[in-house]
Amino acid sequence: MSQSQSFKGQCFCGAVQIEVTGEPVGAGYCHCASCRSWSAGPVNAFTLWKPEAVKVTRGAEQIGEFHKTDRSHRQWCKACGGHLMTRHPEWNVVDVYAATLRDFPFKPGVHVNYEHSVLRMKDGLPKMKDFPAEMGGSGTVLPE
């Protein structure tokens, strides 16, 4: 992808629309209990972007936000409840959920919080016990 390439996404009803531009700083799967509960699924597919690469193009007034922890500020559409993204101020990134970006070529590179997995995935990607060391985790890779 080039710096000028962009991808559009939206909530479930379309009231909130977003656009990401350039390259993500990472992509993968999170297996933590919070992501599983929030996504209502056994795993959450994430794409991480610098905040300046993420733009709300419509419906900013419809965005609700919940802070279960200081690390994750989860955002959704107040009209339909559709999940949009999670701001991670500690790491200076925004997780735009892969399913939100309809035409984005999702290329996961890692599994995080794999020690909490309820859906084992044999895909050859690294399985981090928690987070990479540079993100404050142990950096421990678990066997597939």
Protein backbone atom coordinates (compact mmCIF):
# COMPACT_ATOMS: atom_id res chain seq x y z
CA MET A 1 0.00 0.00 0.00
CA SER A 2 1.12 3.51 -0.66
CA GLN A 3 0.86 6.44 1.73
CA SER A 4 -1.94 7.88 -0.43
CA GLN A 5 -4.01 4.68 -0.43
CA SER A 6 -7.09 4.86 1.76
CA PHE A 7 -9.86 2.53 2.89
CA LYS A 8 -13.36 3.38 4.03
CA GLY A 9 -15.36 1.75 6.75
CA GLN A 10 -18.57 2.28 8.64
CA CYS A 11 -20.68 1.10 11.51
CA PHE A 12 -23.47 -1.44 11.03
CA CYS A 13 -26.08 1.16 9.93
CA GLY A 14 -23.74 3.55 8.11
CA ALA A 15 -24.40 6.58 10.34
CA VAL A 16 -20.68 6.72 11.23
CA GLN A 17 -18.16 6.50 8.44
CA ILE A 18 -14.39 6.40 8.80
CA GLU A 19 -11.38 6.43 6.51
CA VAL A 20 -7.85 5.17 7.11
CA THR A 21 -4.93 6.32 5.00
CA GLY A 22 -1.49 4.87 4.38
CA GLU A 23 -0.07 1.78 6.02
CA PRO A 24 -1.23 0.19 9.28
CA VAL A 25 1.45 -0.18 11.95
CA GLY A 26 0.25 -3.72 12.62
CA ALA A 27 -2.54 -6.24 12.19
CA GLY A 28 -3.47 -9.47 13.88
CA TYR A 29 -5.79 -11.23 16.27
CA CYS A 30 -6.47 -10.56 19.95
CA HIS A 31 -7.67 -13.39 22.20
CA CYS A 32 -8.12 -11.50 25.49
CA ALA A 33 -11.40 -11.81 27.41
CA SER A 34 -12.20 -8.11 26.94
CA CYS A 35 -11.88 -8.25 23.15
CA ARG A 36 -13.84 -11.49 23.00
CA SER A 37 -16.65 -10.03 25.11
CA TRP A 38 -16.68 -6.71 23.22
CA SER A 39 -16.68 -8.35 19.78
CA ALA A 40 -19.11 -11.12 20.82
CA GLY A 41 -16.76 -13.59 19.17
CA PRO A 42 -13.99 -16.02 20.07
CA VAL A 43 -11.29 -13.71 18.66
CA ASN A 44 -11.02 -10.08 17.48
CA ALA A 45 -9.23 -9.14 14.25
CA PHE A 46 -7.43 -5.80 14.61
CA THR A 47 -5.66 -3.29 12.40
CA LEU A 48 -3.50 -0.70 14.16
CA TRP A 49 -3.05 2.82 12.80
CA LYS A 50 -1.38 6.02 13.94
CA PRO A 51 -4.16 8.38 15.13
CA GLU A 52 -3.48 10.86 12.32
CA ALA A 53 -4.19 8.11 9.74
CA VAL A 54 -7.76 7.60 11.03
CA LYS A 55 -10.45 10.10 10.14
CA VAL A 56 -14.17 10.13 10.97
CA THR A 57 -15.76 11.39 7.75
CA ARG A 58 -19.40 11.29 8.87
CA GLY A 59 -21.37 10.95 12.09
CA ALA A 60 -18.76 11.94 14.71
CA GLU A 61 -21.62 13.06 16.97
CA GLN A 62 -22.95 9.47 16.90
CA ILE A 63 -19.78 7.96 18.40
CA GLY A 64 -19.98 6.66 21.94
CA GLU A 65 -16.91 5.69 23.96
CA PHE A 66 -16.32 3.38 26.92
CA HIS A 67 -13.14 3.14 29.01
CA LYS A 68 -13.01 -0.18 30.84
CA THR A 69 -9.30 0.56 31.35
CA ASP A 70 -7.03 3.51 30.58
CA ARG A 71 -5.41 1.36 27.88
CA SER A 72 -8.52 0.82 25.73
CA HIS A 73 -11.09 3.46 24.77
CA ARG A 74 -13.68 1.47 22.79
CA GLN A 75 -15.91 3.32 20.33
CA TRP A 76 -19.25 2.41 18.76
CA CYS A 77 -22.17 3.99 16.91
CA LYS A 78 -24.87 5.28 19.26
CA ALA A 79 -27.53 4.79 16.54
CA CYS A 80 -27.01 1.06 15.80
CA GLY A 81 -24.49 -0.13 18.40
CA GLY A 82 -22.05 -1.15 15.66
CA HIS A 83 -18.47 -1.33 16.85
CA LEU A 84 -15.93 0.91 15.12
CA MET A 85 -12.53 1.13 16.78
CA THR A 86 -10.53 1.27 19.99
CA ARG A 87 -8.17 4.11 20.83
CA HIS A 88 -5.05 2.96 22.70
CA PRO A 89 -3.51 6.20 24.07
CA GLU A 90 -0.70 4.36 25.89
CA TRP A 91 0.61 3.01 22.59
CA ASN A 92 -0.47 5.98 20.41
CA VAL A 93 -2.44 3.74 18.02
CA VAL A 94 -6.06 3.24 17.01
CA ASP A 95 -7.40 -0.27 16.43
CA VAL A 96 -9.86 -0.06 13.57
CA TYR A 97 -11.55 -3.45 13.63
CA ALA A 98 -10.71 -5.39 10.49
CA ALA A 99 -14.39 -6.14 9.86
CA THR A 100 -15.14 -2.40 9.84
CA LEU A 101 -12.87 -1.80 6.82
CA ARG A 102 -14.73 -3.65 4.08
CA ASP A 103 -12.12 -3.62 1.28
CA PHE A 104 -8.97 -3.54 3.39
CA PRO A 105 -6.58 -6.40 2.47
CA PHE A 106 -6.24 -7.80 6.02
CA LYS A 107 -2.85 -9.45 6.47
CA PRO A 108 -2.47 -10.52 10.09
CA GLY A 109 1.03 -10.77 11.50
CA VAL A 110 0.56 -11.92 15.08
CA HIS A 111 -1.79 -13.29 17.73
CA VAL A 112 -1.76 -11.44 21.08
CA ASN A 113 -3.02 -12.66 24.46
CA TYR A 114 -3.00 -16.20 23.09
CA GLU A 115 -2.75 -17.72 26.58
CA HIS A 116 -6.45 -16.78 26.93
CA SER A 117 -7.52 -18.24 23.59
CA VAL A 118 -10.77 -20.19 23.34
CA LEU A 119 -10.24 -20.77 19.62
CA ARG A 120 -6.85 -22.21 18.74
CA MET A 121 -5.72 -21.20 15.26
CA LYS A 122 -3.04 -23.08 13.33
CA ASP A 123 -1.95 -20.47 10.80
CA GLY A 124 1.83 -20.27 11.26
CA LEU A 125 1.70 -16.80 12.85
CA PRO A 126 3.51 -16.03 16.13
CA LYS A 127 1.31 -16.67 19.19
CA MET A 128 2.23 -14.13 21.89
CA LYS A 129 1.43 -15.16 25.47
CA ASP A 130 0.35 -11.56 26.11
CA PHE A 131 1.94 -8.65 24.20
CA PRO A 132 5.28 -8.04 22.51
CA ALA A 133 7.91 -6.68 24.91
CA GLU A 134 7.94 -3.29 23.13
CA MET A 135 4.25 -2.93 24.12
CA GLY A 136 4.88 -3.77 27.76
CA GLY A 137 4.21 -7.50 27.51
CA SER A 138 6.42 -10.46 28.31
CA GLY A 139 7.40 -11.00 24.68
CA THR A 140 6.90 -14.74 25.24
CA VAL A 141 5.86 -16.71 22.15
CA LEU A 142 3.73 -19.80 22.82
CA PRO A 143 3.76 -22.96 20.73
CA GLU A 144 1.11 -23.24 18.06
